[in-house]
Amino acid sequence: MHHLLIDSFHTVLNQVWAYALNAIGGNPTDDAIRAWLQNLRLDITAGCFNYRPSTGDPTKLSLHSYGIALDWDPLHNPHQRPLTKTLPDWWYMIWARNGWRDGRHFPTPDPMHVQFATGA
């Protein structure tokens, strides 16, 4: 991940943790929160940095090449039409509140993808 995004990334993860804590209610243990997040497969990532061409335009580098994009649970949130996703809407909202964009609305939907870039 690009070093300038580390704080933003940690903020997103802390907000996801807080959402889970609130959703579970009561006084859950860290293990209970982890299990809740794992049940939603929010612990599965395909990574961030990957030096490669863009799938949308092979003459340009992917945002993964700059360490400013991440993919989450690619098996269940594939880059394809029609949009097929399992990641929850609240999760995308947390990313968006922190300046990140996702690939759900790309010409070929890419719901696994979040990026810290606009207009790409």
PDB file of N, CA and C in Angstrom:
ATOM      1  N   MET A   1       0.845  -1.173   0.000  1.00  0.00           N
ATOM      2  CA  MET A   1       0.000   0.000   0.000  1.00  0.00           C
ATOM      3  C   MET A   1       0.891   1.236   0.000  1.00  0.00           C
ATOM      4  N   HIS A   2       0.434   2.242  -0.723  1.00  0.00           N
ATOM      5  CA  HIS A   2       1.174   3.499  -0.748  1.00  0.00           C
ATOM      6  C   HIS A   2       1.248   4.053   0.674  1.00  0.00           C
ATOM      7  N   HIS A   3       2.420   4.504   1.064  1.00  0.00           N
ATOM      8  CA  HIS A   3       2.637   4.935   2.450  1.00  0.00           C
ATOM      9  C   HIS A   3       1.724   6.098   2.856  1.00  0.00           C
ATOM     10  N   LEU A   4       1.286   6.929   1.915  1.00  0.00           N
ATOM     11  CA  LEU A   4       0.413   8.048   2.262  1.00  0.00           C
ATOM     12  C   LEU A   4      -1.026   7.617   2.569  1.00  0.00           C
ATOM     13  N   LEU A   5      -1.362   6.370   2.295  1.00  0.00           N
ATOM     14  CA  LEU A   5      -2.719   5.879   2.552  1.00  0.00           C
ATOM     15  C   LEU A   5      -2.841   5.043   3.812  1.00  0.00           C
ATOM     16  N   ILE A   6      -1.749   4.796   4.479  1.00  0.00           N
ATOM     17  CA  ILE A   6      -1.783   3.903   5.641  1.00  0.00           C
ATOM     18  C   ILE A   6      -2.719   4.432   6.724  1.00  0.00           C
ATOM     19  N   ASP A   7      -2.665   5.716   7.042  1.00  0.00           N
ATOM     20  CA  ASP A   7      -3.554   6.264   8.073  1.00  0.00           C
ATOM     21  C   ASP A   7      -5.015   6.132   7.667  1.00  0.00           C
ATOM     22  N   SER A   8      -5.334   6.437   6.416  1.00  0.00           N
ATOM     23  CA  SER A   8      -6.707   6.313   5.933  1.00  0.00           C
ATOM     24  C   SER A   8      -7.171   4.863   6.003  1.00  0.00           C
ATOM     25  N   PHE A   9      -6.314   3.947   5.611  1.00  0.00           N
ATOM     26  CA  PHE A   9      -6.639   2.522   5.658  1.00  0.00           C
ATOM     27  C   PHE A   9      -6.931   2.084   7.091  1.00  0.00           C
ATOM     28  N   HIS A  10      -6.093   2.506   8.022  1.00  0.00           N
ATOM     29  CA  HIS A  10      -6.324   2.155   9.435  1.00  0.00           C
ATOM     30  C   HIS A  10      -7.625   2.756   9.942  1.00  0.00           C
ATOM     31  N   THR A  11      -7.933   3.976   9.521  1.00  0.00           N
ATOM     32  CA  THR A  11      -9.186   4.610   9.918  1.00  0.00           C
ATOM     33  C   THR A  11     -10.375   3.792   9.429  1.00  0.00           C
ATOM     34  N   VAL A  12     -10.338   3.364   8.164  1.00  0.00           N
ATOM     35  CA  VAL A  12     -11.424   2.541   7.618  1.00  0.00           C
ATOM     36  C   VAL A  12     -11.562   1.258   8.426  1.00  0.00           C
ATOM     37  N   LEU A  13     -10.465   0.576   8.675  1.00  0.00           N
ATOM     38  CA  LEU A  13     -10.541  -0.690   9.408  1.00  0.00           C
ATOM     39  C   LEU A  13     -11.065  -0.480  10.824  1.00  0.00           C
ATOM     40  N   ASN A  14     -10.664   0.600  11.474  1.00  0.00           N
ATOM     41  CA  ASN A  14     -11.187   0.896  12.812  1.00  0.00           C
ATOM     42  C   ASN A  14     -12.685   1.168  12.775  1.00  0.00           C
ATOM     43  N   GLN A  15     -13.161   1.829  11.726  1.00  0.00           N
ATOM     44  CA  GLN A  15     -14.592   2.097  11.598  1.00  0.00           C
ATOM     45  C   GLN A  15     -15.380   0.822  11.277  1.00  0.00           C
ATOM     46  N   VAL A  16     -14.789  -0.067  10.511  1.00  0.00           N
ATOM     47  CA  VAL A  16     -15.427  -1.360  10.245  1.00  0.00           C
ATOM     48  C   VAL A  16     -15.535  -2.138  11.562  1.00  0.00           C
ATOM     49  N   TRP A  17     -14.478  -2.124  12.340  1.00  0.00           N
ATOM     50  CA  TRP A  17     -14.479  -2.803  13.649  1.00  0.00           C
ATOM     51  C   TRP A  17     -15.569  -2.207  14.545  1.00  0.00           C
ATOM     52  N   ALA A  18     -15.663  -0.883  14.581  1.00  0.00           N
ATOM     53  CA  ALA A  18     -16.670  -0.210  15.406  1.00  0.00           C
ATOM     54  C   ALA A  18     -18.081  -0.554  14.930  1.00  0.00           C
ATOM     55  N   TYR A  19     -18.267  -0.638  13.625  1.00  0.00           N
ATOM     56  CA  TYR A  19     -19.581  -1.019  13.084  1.00  0.00           C
ATOM     57  C   TYR A  19     -19.942  -2.420  13.568  1.00  0.00           C
ATOM     58  N   ALA A  20     -19.001  -3.344  13.469  1.00  0.00           N
ATOM     59  CA  ALA A  20     -19.244  -4.718  13.916  1.00  0.00           C
ATOM     60  C   ALA A  20     -19.562  -4.756  15.401  1.00  0.00           C
ATOM     61  N   LEU A  21     -18.818  -4.030  16.192  1.00  0.00           N
ATOM     62  CA  LEU A  21     -19.050  -3.966  17.638  1.00  0.00           C
ATOM     63  C   LEU A  21     -20.480  -3.513  17.929  1.00  0.00           C
ATOM     64  N   ASN A  22     -20.911  -2.465  17.242  1.00  0.00           N
ATOM     65  CA  ASN A  22     -22.255  -1.935  17.427  1.00  0.00           C
ATOM     66  C   ASN A  22     -23.324  -2.909  16.917  1.00  0.00           C
ATOM     67  N   ALA A  23     -23.058  -3.551  15.783  1.00  0.00           N
ATOM     68  CA  ALA A  23     -24.023  -4.482  15.199  1.00  0.00           C
ATOM     69  C   ALA A  23     -24.240  -5.709  16.082  1.00  0.00           C
ATOM     70  N   ILE A  24     -23.178  -6.174  16.704  1.00  0.00           N
ATOM     71  CA  ILE A  24     -23.286  -7.339  17.585  1.00  0.00           C
ATOM     72  C   ILE A  24     -24.023  -6.950  18.864  1.00  0.00           C
ATOM     73  N   GLY A  25     -23.710  -5.769  19.371  1.00  0.00           N
ATOM     74  CA  GLY A  25     -24.342  -5.288  20.599  1.00  0.00           C
ATOM     75  C   GLY A  25     -23.734  -5.908  21.841  1.00  0.00           C
ATOM     76  N   GLY A  26     -24.115  -5.357  22.961  1.00  0.00           N
ATOM     77  CA  GLY A  26     -23.586  -5.861  24.225  1.00  0.00           C
ATOM     78  C   GLY A  26     -22.124  -5.524  24.379  1.00  0.00           C
ATOM     79  N   ASN A  27     -21.391  -6.459  24.913  1.00  0.00           N
ATOM     80  CA  ASN A  27     -19.965  -6.276  25.163  1.00  0.00           C
ATOM     81  C   ASN A  27     -19.198  -7.464  24.572  1.00  0.00           C
ATOM     82  N   PRO A  28     -19.163  -7.583  23.232  1.00  0.00           N
ATOM     83  CA  PRO A  28     -18.537  -8.752  22.621  1.00  0.00           C
ATOM     84  C   PRO A  28     -17.023  -8.754  22.800  1.00  0.00           C
ATOM     85  N   THR A  29     -16.476  -9.932  22.811  1.00  0.00           N
ATOM     86  CA  THR A  29     -15.022 -10.076  22.862  1.00  0.00           C
ATOM     87  C   THR A  29     -14.442  -9.759  21.487  1.00  0.00           C
ATOM     88  N   ASP A  30     -13.146  -9.522  21.460  1.00  0.00           N
ATOM     89  CA  ASP A  30     -12.474  -9.319  20.176  1.00  0.00           C
ATOM     90  C   ASP A  30     -12.660 -10.527  19.268  1.00  0.00           C
ATOM     91  N   ASP A  31     -12.610 -11.733  19.859  1.00  0.00           N
ATOM     92  CA  ASP A  31     -12.801 -12.945  19.065  1.00  0.00           C
ATOM     93  C   ASP A  31     -14.207 -12.998  18.464  1.00  0.00           C
ATOM     94  N   ALA A  32     -15.210 -12.540  19.184  1.00  0.00           N
ATOM     95  CA  ALA A  32     -16.577 -12.519  18.654  1.00  0.00           C
ATOM     96  C   ALA A  32     -16.688 -11.526  17.502  1.00  0.00           C
ATOM     97  N   ILE A  33     -16.030 -10.388  17.627  1.00  0.00           N
ATOM     98  CA  ILE A  33     -16.046  -9.404  16.540  1.00  0.00           C
ATOM     99  C   ILE A  33     -15.331  -9.964  15.316  1.00  0.00           C
ATOM    100  N   ARG A  34     -14.175 -10.585  15.538  1.00  0.00           N
ATOM    101  CA  ARG A  34     -13.447 -11.208  14.420  1.00  0.00           C
ATOM    102  C   ARG A  34     -14.313 -12.252  13.727  1.00  0.00           C
ATOM    103  N   ALA A  35     -14.991 -13.092  14.501  1.00  0.00           N
ATOM    104  CA  ALA A  35     -15.840 -14.140  13.922  1.00  0.00           C
ATOM    105  C   ALA A  35     -16.978 -13.530  13.111  1.00  0.00           C
ATOM    106  N   TRP A  36     -17.569 -12.442  13.597  1.00  0.00           N
ATOM    107  CA  TRP A  36     -18.655 -11.769  12.887  1.00  0.00           C
ATOM    108  C   TRP A  36     -18.156 -11.238  11.548  1.00  0.00           C
ATOM    109  N   LEU A  37     -16.981 -10.604  11.556  1.00  0.00           N
ATOM    110  CA  LEU A  37     -16.391 -10.070  10.324  1.00  0.00           C
ATOM    111  C   LEU A  37     -15.987 -11.195   9.375  1.00  0.00           C
ATOM    112  N   GLN A  38     -15.453 -12.285   9.916  1.00  0.00           N
ATOM    113  CA  GLN A  38     -15.064 -13.422   9.087  1.00  0.00           C
ATOM    114  C   GLN A  38     -16.287 -14.069   8.447  1.00  0.00           C
ATOM    115  N   ASN A  39     -17.406 -14.098   9.159  1.00  0.00           N
ATOM    116  CA  ASN A  39     -18.632 -14.660   8.609  1.00  0.00           C
ATOM    117  C   ASN A  39     -19.079 -13.889   7.357  1.00  0.00           C
ATOM    118  N   LEU A  40     -18.798 -12.596   7.324  1.00  0.00           N
ATOM    119  CA  LEU A  40     -19.103 -11.764   6.153  1.00  0.00           C
ATOM    120  C   LEU A  40     -17.968 -11.766   5.129  1.00  0.00           C
ATOM    121  N   ARG A  41     -16.916 -12.513   5.414  1.00  0.00           N
ATOM    122  CA  ARG A  41     -15.716 -12.619   4.577  1.00  0.00           C
ATOM    123  C   ARG A  41     -15.026 -11.263   4.389  1.00  0.00           C
ATOM    124  N   LEU A  42     -15.104 -10.414   5.401  1.00  0.00           N
ATOM    125  CA  LEU A  42     -14.451  -9.107   5.331  1.00  0.00           C
ATOM    126  C   LEU A  42     -12.984  -9.184   5.732  1.00  0.00           C
ATOM    127  N   ASP A  43     -12.513 -10.392   5.976  1.00  0.00           N
ATOM    128  CA  ASP A  43     -11.107 -10.609   6.311  1.00  0.00           C
ATOM    129  C   ASP A  43     -10.321 -11.149   5.111  1.00  0.00           C
ATOM    130  N   ILE A  44     -10.987 -11.272   3.959  1.00  0.00           N
ATOM    131  CA  ILE A  44     -10.346 -11.863   2.776  1.00  0.00           C
ATOM    132  C   ILE A  44      -9.990 -10.759   1.792  1.00  0.00           C
ATOM    133  N   THR A  45      -8.725 -10.639   1.514  1.00  0.00           N
ATOM    134  CA  THR A  45      -8.278  -9.655   0.532  1.00  0.00           C
ATOM    135  C   THR A  45      -7.383 -10.329  -0.501  1.00  0.00           C
ATOM    136  N   ALA A  46      -7.441  -9.803  -1.711  1.00  0.00           N
ATOM    137  CA  ALA A  46      -6.549 -10.281  -2.764  1.00  0.00           C
ATOM    138  C   ALA A  46      -5.324  -9.375  -2.862  1.00  0.00           C
ATOM    139  N   GLY A  47      -5.224  -8.438  -1.936  1.00  0.00           N
ATOM    140  CA  GLY A  47      -4.041  -7.605  -1.865  1.00  0.00           C
ATOM    141  C   GLY A  47      -4.210  -6.228  -2.467  1.00  0.00           C
ATOM    142  N   CYS A  48      -3.111  -5.508  -2.439  1.00  0.00           N
ATOM    143  CA  CYS A  48      -3.100  -4.116  -2.852  1.00  0.00           C
ATOM    144  C   CYS A  48      -2.108  -3.925  -3.996  1.00  0.00           C
ATOM    145  N   PHE A  49      -0.818  -3.915  -3.704  1.00  0.00           N
ATOM    146  CA  PHE A  49       0.181  -3.639  -4.731  1.00  0.00           C
ATOM    147  C   PHE A  49       0.308  -4.817  -5.699  1.00  0.00           C
ATOM    148  N   ASN A  50       0.157  -4.511  -6.973  1.00  0.00           N
ATOM    149  CA  ASN A  50       0.335  -5.499  -8.034  1.00  0.00           C
ATOM    150  C   ASN A  50       0.682  -4.725  -9.300  1.00  0.00           C
ATOM    151  N   TYR A  51       1.933  -4.751  -9.685  1.00  0.00           N
ATOM    152  CA  TYR A  51       2.383  -4.007 -10.866  1.00  0.00           C
ATOM    153  C   TYR A  51       1.888  -4.723 -12.117  1.00  0.00           C
ATOM    154  N   ARG A  52       0.861  -4.123 -12.751  1.00  0.00           N
ATOM    155  CA  ARG A  52       0.260  -4.754 -13.929  1.00  0.00           C
ATOM    156  C   ARG A  52      -0.545  -3.727 -14.721  1.00  0.00           C
ATOM    157  N   PRO A  53      -0.895  -4.064 -15.971  1.00  0.00           N
ATOM    158  CA  PRO A  53      -1.756  -3.173 -16.759  1.00  0.00           C
ATOM    159  C   PRO A  53      -3.167  -3.129 -16.182  1.00  0.00           C
ATOM    160  N   SER A  54      -3.879  -2.064 -16.481  1.00  0.00           N
ATOM    161  CA  SER A  54      -5.278  -1.933 -16.091  1.00  0.00           C
ATOM    162  C   SER A  54      -6.114  -2.909 -16.896  1.00  0.00           C
ATOM    163  N   THR A  55      -7.117  -3.501 -16.262  1.00  0.00           N
ATOM    164  CA  THR A  55      -8.019  -4.388 -17.013  1.00  0.00           C
ATOM    165  C   THR A  55      -8.928  -3.572 -17.917  1.00  0.00           C
ATOM    166  N   GLY A  56      -9.196  -2.312 -17.561  1.00  0.00           N
ATOM    167  CA  GLY A  56     -10.047  -1.457 -18.383  1.00  0.00           C
ATOM    168  C   GLY A  56      -9.331  -0.870 -19.583  1.00  0.00           C
ATOM    169  N   ASP A  57      -8.031  -0.630 -19.454  1.00  0.00           N
ATOM    170  CA  ASP A  57      -7.231  -0.052 -20.541  1.00  0.00           C
ATOM    171  C   ASP A  57      -5.810  -0.585 -20.412  1.00  0.00           C
ATOM    172  N   PRO A  58      -5.477  -1.645 -21.152  1.00  0.00           N
ATOM    173  CA  PRO A  58      -4.163  -2.282 -21.000  1.00  0.00           C
ATOM    174  C   PRO A  58      -2.980  -1.404 -21.388  1.00  0.00           C
ATOM    175  N   THR A  59      -3.241  -0.196 -21.933  1.00  0.00           N
ATOM    176  CA  THR A  59      -2.138   0.717 -22.238  1.00  0.00           C
ATOM    177  C   THR A  59      -1.757   1.547 -21.012  1.00  0.00           C
ATOM    178  N   LYS A  60      -2.542   1.443 -19.944  1.00  0.00           N
ATOM    179  CA  LYS A  60      -2.271   2.182 -18.706  1.00  0.00           C
ATOM    180  C   LYS A  60      -2.009   1.198 -17.569  1.00  0.00           C
ATOM    181  N   LEU A  61      -1.328   1.687 -16.560  1.00  0.00           N
ATOM    182  CA  LEU A  61      -1.094   0.854 -15.384  1.00  0.00           C
ATOM    183  C   LEU A  61      -2.332   0.822 -14.494  1.00  0.00           C
ATOM    184  N   SER A  62      -2.559  -0.314 -13.883  1.00  0.00           N
ATOM    185  CA  SER A  62      -3.618  -0.461 -12.893  1.00  0.00           C
ATOM    186  C   SER A  62      -3.308   0.421 -11.687  1.00  0.00           C
ATOM    187  N   LEU A  63      -4.342   0.862 -10.987  1.00  0.00           N
ATOM    188  CA  LEU A  63      -4.119   1.610  -9.741  1.00  0.00           C
ATOM    189  C   LEU A  63      -3.449   0.737  -8.690  1.00  0.00           C
ATOM    190  N   HIS A  64      -3.554  -0.569  -8.842  1.00  0.00           N
ATOM    191  CA  HIS A  64      -2.827  -1.480  -7.948  1.00  0.00           C
ATOM    192  C   HIS A  64      -1.311  -1.305  -8.114  1.00  0.00           C
ATOM    193  N   SER A  65      -0.883  -0.876  -9.287  1.00  0.00           N
ATOM    194  CA  SER A  65       0.550  -0.657  -9.547  1.00  0.00           C
ATOM    195  C   SER A  65       1.115   0.471  -8.695  1.00  0.00           C
ATOM    196  N   TYR A  66       0.240   1.355  -8.237  1.00  0.00           N
ATOM    197  CA  TYR A  66       0.658   2.487  -7.406  1.00  0.00           C
ATOM    198  C   TYR A  66       0.375   2.244  -5.921  1.00  0.00           C
ATOM    199  N   GLY A  67      -0.203   1.097  -5.604  1.00  0.00           N
ATOM    200  CA  GLY A  67      -0.530   0.786  -4.209  1.00  0.00           C
ATOM    201  C   GLY A  67      -1.685   1.611  -3.680  1.00  0.00           C
ATOM    202  N   ILE A  68      -2.609   2.014  -4.573  1.00  0.00           N
ATOM    203  CA  ILE A  68      -3.736   2.851  -4.135  1.00  0.00           C
ATOM    204  C   ILE A  68      -5.078   2.172  -4.402  1.00  0.00           C
ATOM    205  N   ALA A  69      -5.069   0.862  -4.578  1.00  0.00           N
ATOM    206  CA  ALA A  69      -6.303   0.100  -4.771  1.00  0.00           C
ATOM    207  C   ALA A  69      -6.151  -1.254  -4.081  1.00  0.00           C
ATOM    208  N   LEU A  70      -7.270  -1.753  -3.562  1.00  0.00           N
ATOM    209  CA  LEU A  70      -7.304  -3.057  -2.898  1.00  0.00           C
ATOM    210  C   LEU A  70      -8.477  -3.847  -3.431  1.00  0.00           C
ATOM    211  N   ASP A  71      -8.350  -5.168  -3.434  1.00  0.00           N
ATOM    212  CA  ASP A  71      -9.444  -6.059  -3.804  1.00  0.00           C
ATOM    213  C   ASP A  71      -9.813  -6.917  -2.598  1.00  0.00           C
ATOM    214  N   TRP A  72     -11.126  -7.091  -2.386  1.00  0.00           N
ATOM    215  CA  TRP A  72     -11.655  -7.816  -1.229  1.00  0.00           C
ATOM    216  C   TRP A  72     -12.534  -8.973  -1.675  1.00  0.00           C
ATOM    217  N   ASP A  73     -12.297 -10.137  -1.126  1.00  0.00           N
ATOM    218  CA  ASP A  73     -13.081 -11.350  -1.380  1.00  0.00           C
ATOM    219  C   ASP A  73     -13.424 -11.508  -2.869  1.00  0.00           C
ATOM    220  N   PRO A  74     -12.407 -11.644  -3.711  1.00  0.00           N
ATOM    221  CA  PRO A  74     -12.651 -11.702  -5.163  1.00  0.00           C
ATOM    222  C   PRO A  74     -13.479 -12.899  -5.613  1.00  0.00           C
ATOM    223  N   LEU A  75     -13.432 -13.986  -4.901  1.00  0.00           N
ATOM    224  CA  LEU A  75     -14.193 -15.172  -5.305  1.00  0.00           C
ATOM    225  C   LEU A  75     -15.700 -14.895  -5.299  1.00  0.00           C
ATOM    226  N   HIS A  76     -16.156 -14.124  -4.323  1.00  0.00           N
ATOM    227  CA  HIS A  76     -17.592 -13.869  -4.181  1.00  0.00           C
ATOM    228  C   HIS A  76     -18.021 -12.491  -4.686  1.00  0.00           C
ATOM    229  N   ASN A  77     -17.075 -11.679  -5.123  1.00  0.00           N
ATOM    230  CA  ASN A  77     -17.347 -10.326  -5.616  1.00  0.00           C
ATOM    231  C   ASN A  77     -16.583 -10.102  -6.915  1.00  0.00           C
ATOM    232  N   PRO A  78     -16.910 -10.889  -7.945  1.00  0.00           N
ATOM    233  CA  PRO A  78     -16.096 -10.896  -9.168  1.00  0.00           C
ATOM    234  C   PRO A  78     -16.272  -9.656 -10.034  1.00  0.00           C
ATOM    235  N   HIS A  79     -15.250  -9.408 -10.828  1.00  0.00           N
ATOM    236  CA  HIS A  79     -15.238  -8.335 -11.825  1.00  0.00           C
ATOM    237  C   HIS A  79     -15.958  -8.879 -13.053  1.00  0.00           C
ATOM    238  N   GLN A  80     -17.259  -8.642 -13.117  1.00  0.00           N
ATOM    239  CA  GLN A  80     -18.064  -9.205 -14.197  1.00  0.00           C
ATOM    240  C   GLN A  80     -19.429  -8.535 -14.261  1.00  0.00           C
ATOM    241  N   ARG A  81     -20.114  -8.764 -15.368  1.00  0.00           N
ATOM    242  CA  ARG A  81     -21.518  -8.397 -15.516  1.00  0.00           C
ATOM    243  C   ARG A  81     -22.331  -9.670 -15.428  1.00  0.00           C
ATOM    244  N   PRO A  82     -23.484  -9.633 -14.814  1.00  0.00           N
ATOM    245  CA  PRO A  82     -24.033  -8.529 -14.027  1.00  0.00           C
ATOM    246  C   PRO A  82     -23.306  -8.415 -12.685  1.00  0.00           C
ATOM    247  N   LEU A  83     -23.558  -7.315 -11.997  1.00  0.00           N
ATOM    248  CA  LEU A  83     -22.981  -7.093 -10.678  1.00  0.00           C
ATOM    249  C   LEU A  83     -23.345  -8.256  -9.761  1.00  0.00           C
ATOM    250  N   THR A  84     -22.327  -8.884  -9.201  1.00  0.00           N
ATOM    251  CA  THR A  84     -22.492  -9.964  -8.235  1.00  0.00           C
ATOM    252  C   THR A  84     -21.637  -9.616  -7.036  1.00  0.00           C
ATOM    253  N   LYS A  85     -22.272  -9.396  -5.886  1.00  0.00           N
ATOM    254  CA  LYS A  85     -21.493  -8.998  -4.711  1.00  0.00           C
ATOM    255  C   LYS A  85     -22.075  -9.587  -3.443  1.00  0.00           C
ATOM    256  N   THR A  86     -21.194  -9.781  -2.480  1.00  0.00           N
ATOM    257  CA  THR A  86     -21.621 -10.190  -1.141  1.00  0.00           C
ATOM    258  C   THR A  86     -21.173  -9.178  -0.091  1.00  0.00           C
ATOM    259  N   LEU A  87     -20.284  -8.278  -0.458  1.00  0.00           N
ATOM    260  CA  LEU A  87     -19.824  -7.262   0.492  1.00  0.00           C
ATOM    261  C   LEU A  87     -21.007  -6.357   0.846  1.00  0.00           C
ATOM    262  N   PRO A  88     -21.186  -6.057   2.131  1.00  0.00           N
ATOM    263  CA  PRO A  88     -22.368  -5.287   2.546  1.00  0.00           C
ATOM    264  C   PRO A  88     -22.275  -3.806   2.180  1.00  0.00           C
ATOM    265  N   ASP A  89     -23.433  -3.211   1.959  1.00  0.00           N
ATOM    266  CA  ASP A  89     -23.484  -1.794   1.578  1.00  0.00           C
ATOM    267  C   ASP A  89     -22.867  -0.885   2.643  1.00  0.00           C
ATOM    268  N   TRP A  90     -23.055  -1.200   3.917  1.00  0.00           N
ATOM    269  CA  TRP A  90     -22.475  -0.359   4.973  1.00  0.00           C
ATOM    270  C   TRP A  90     -20.953  -0.328   4.867  1.00  0.00           C
ATOM    271  N   TRP A  91     -20.365  -1.422   4.426  1.00  0.00           N
ATOM    272  CA  TRP A  91     -18.911  -1.514   4.285  1.00  0.00           C
ATOM    273  C   TRP A  91     -18.428  -0.543   3.211  1.00  0.00           C
ATOM    274  N   TYR A  92     -19.140  -0.490   2.066  1.00  0.00           N
ATOM    275  CA  TYR A  92     -18.796   0.466   1.014  1.00  0.00           C
ATOM    276  C   TYR A  92     -18.957   1.905   1.511  1.00  0.00           C
ATOM    277  N   MET A  93     -19.984   2.144   2.317  1.00  0.00           N
ATOM    278  CA  MET A  93     -20.213   3.506   2.834  1.00  0.00           C
ATOM    279  C   MET A  93     -19.066   3.974   3.725  1.00  0.00           C
ATOM    280  N   ILE A  94     -18.523   3.078   4.504  1.00  0.00           N
ATOM    281  CA  ILE A  94     -17.378   3.443   5.353  1.00  0.00           C
ATOM    282  C   ILE A  94     -16.194   3.842   4.480  1.00  0.00           C
ATOM    283  N   TRP A  95     -15.904   3.072   3.465  1.00  0.00           N
ATOM    284  CA  TRP A  95     -14.813   3.421   2.552  1.00  0.00           C
ATOM    285  C   TRP A  95     -15.057   4.787   1.925  1.00  0.00           C
ATOM    286  N   ALA A  96     -16.293   5.009   1.445  1.00  0.00           N
ATOM    287  CA  ALA A  96     -16.629   6.270   0.762  1.00  0.00           C
ATOM    288  C   ALA A  96     -16.493   7.465   1.703  1.00  0.00           C
ATOM    289  N   ARG A  97     -16.919   7.320   2.944  1.00  0.00           N
ATOM    290  CA  ARG A  97     -16.804   8.420   3.918  1.00  0.00           C
ATOM    291  C   ARG A  97     -15.355   8.832   4.137  1.00  0.00           C
ATOM    292  N   ASN A  98     -14.448   7.945   3.835  1.00  0.00           N
ATOM    293  CA  ASN A  98     -13.023   8.211   4.043  1.00  0.00           C
ATOM    294  C   ASN A  98     -12.284   8.515   2.744  1.00  0.00           C
ATOM    295  N   GLY A  99     -13.030   8.846   1.693  1.00  0.00           N
ATOM    296  CA  GLY A  99     -12.415   9.296   0.451  1.00  0.00           C
ATOM    297  C   GLY A  99     -12.104   8.218  -0.561  1.00  0.00           C
ATOM    298  N   TRP A 100     -12.483   6.979  -0.287  1.00  0.00           N
ATOM    299  CA  TRP A 100     -12.232   5.875  -1.204  1.00  0.00           C
ATOM    300  C   TRP A 100     -13.432   5.696  -2.134  1.00  0.00           C
ATOM    301  N   ARG A 101     -13.207   5.136  -3.295  1.00  0.00           N
ATOM    302  CA  ARG A 101     -14.262   4.820  -4.252  1.00  0.00           C
ATOM    303  C   ARG A 101     -14.224   3.314  -4.512  1.00  0.00           C
ATOM    304  N   ASP A 102     -15.342   2.786  -4.984  1.00  0.00           N
ATOM    305  CA  ASP A 102     -15.367   1.346  -5.271  1.00  0.00           C
ATOM    306  C   ASP A 102     -15.769   1.108  -6.717  1.00  0.00           C
ATOM    307  N   GLY A 103     -15.649  -0.136  -7.140  1.00  0.00           N
ATOM    308  CA  GLY A 103     -15.859  -0.482  -8.535  1.00  0.00           C
ATOM    309  C   GLY A 103     -17.236  -1.012  -8.882  1.00  0.00           C
ATOM    310  N   ARG A 104     -18.212  -0.869  -7.990  1.00  0.00           N
ATOM    311  CA  ARG A 104     -19.551  -1.388  -8.295  1.00  0.00           C
ATOM    312  C   ARG A 104     -20.171  -0.735  -9.526  1.00  0.00           C
ATOM    313  N   HIS A 105     -19.801   0.507  -9.805  1.00  0.00           N
ATOM    314  CA  HIS A 105     -20.433   1.240 -10.900  1.00  0.00           C
ATOM    315  C   HIS A 105     -19.529   1.371 -12.129  1.00  0.00           C
ATOM    316  N   PHE A 106     -18.449   0.587 -12.181  1.00  0.00           N
ATOM    317  CA  PHE A 106     -17.604   0.559 -13.368  1.00  0.00           C
ATOM    318  C   PHE A 106     -18.422  -0.022 -14.531  1.00  0.00           C
ATOM    319  N   PRO A 107     -18.045   0.268 -15.789  1.00  0.00           N
ATOM    320  CA  PRO A 107     -18.769  -0.324 -16.932  1.00  0.00           C
ATOM    321  C   PRO A 107     -18.909  -1.846 -16.800  1.00  0.00           C
ATOM    322  N   THR A 108     -17.846  -2.498 -16.387  1.00  0.00           N
ATOM    323  CA  THR A 108     -17.930  -3.896 -15.963  1.00  0.00           C
ATOM    324  C   THR A 108     -17.745  -3.864 -14.452  1.00  0.00           C
ATOM    325  N   PRO A 109     -18.817  -4.112 -13.697  1.00  0.00           N
ATOM    326  CA  PRO A 109     -18.745  -3.964 -12.238  1.00  0.00           C
ATOM    327  C   PRO A 109     -17.586  -4.751 -11.624  1.00  0.00           C
ATOM    328  N   ASP A 110     -16.944  -4.123 -10.653  1.00  0.00           N
ATOM    329  CA  ASP A 110     -15.797  -4.701  -9.953  1.00  0.00           C
ATOM    330  C   ASP A 110     -15.982  -4.467  -8.453  1.00  0.00           C
ATOM    331  N   PRO A 111     -16.963  -5.168  -7.844  1.00  0.00           N
ATOM    332  CA  PRO A 111     -17.315  -4.876  -6.452  1.00  0.00           C
ATOM    333  C   PRO A 111     -16.234  -5.220  -5.434  1.00  0.00           C
ATOM    334  N   MET A 112     -15.259  -6.029  -5.808  1.00  0.00           N
ATOM    335  CA  MET A 112     -14.167  -6.341  -4.881  1.00  0.00           C
ATOM    336  C   MET A 112     -13.213  -5.164  -4.704  1.00  0.00           C
ATOM    337  N   HIS A 113     -13.262  -4.208  -5.626  1.00  0.00           N
ATOM    338  CA  HIS A 113     -12.247  -3.165  -5.777  1.00  0.00           C
ATOM    339  C   HIS A 113     -12.613  -1.878  -5.031  1.00  0.00           C
ATOM    340  N   VAL A 114     -11.676  -1.394  -4.204  1.00  0.00           N
ATOM    341  CA  VAL A 114     -11.753  -0.055  -3.628  1.00  0.00           C
ATOM    342  C   VAL A 114     -10.457   0.663  -3.979  1.00  0.00           C
ATOM    343  N   GLN A 115     -10.563   1.966  -4.226  1.00  0.00           N
ATOM    344  CA  GLN A 115      -9.397   2.731  -4.662  1.00  0.00           C
ATOM    345  C   GLN A 115      -9.426   4.106  -4.039  1.00  0.00           C
ATOM    346  N   PHE A 116      -8.242   4.662  -3.831  1.00  0.00           N
ATOM    347  CA  PHE A 116      -8.146   6.033  -3.356  1.00  0.00           C
ATOM    348  C   PHE A 116      -7.758   6.885  -4.555  1.00  0.00           C
ATOM    349  N   ALA A 117      -8.722   7.023  -5.480  1.00  0.00           N
ATOM    350  CA  ALA A 117      -8.534   7.812  -6.699  1.00  0.00           C
ATOM    351  C   ALA A 117      -9.907   8.079  -7.271  1.00  0.00           C
ATOM    352  N   THR A 118     -10.051   9.210  -7.917  1.00  0.00           N
ATOM    353  CA  THR A 118     -11.321   9.502  -8.595  1.00  0.00           C
ATOM    354  C   THR A 118     -11.034   9.656 -10.080  1.00  0.00           C
ATOM    355  N   GLY A 119     -12.033   9.459 -10.883  1.00  0.00           N
ATOM    356  CA  GLY A 119     -11.899   9.631 -12.316  1.00  0.00           C
ATOM    357  C   GLY A 119     -11.110   8.544 -13.007  1.00  0.00           C
ATOM    358  N   ALA A 120     -10.765   7.506 -12.275  1.00  0.00           N
ATOM    359  CA  ALA A 120      -9.989   6.414 -12.886  1.00  0.00           C
ATOM    360  C   ALA A 120     -10.916   5.337 -13.400  1.00  0.00           C
TER     361      ALA A 120
END
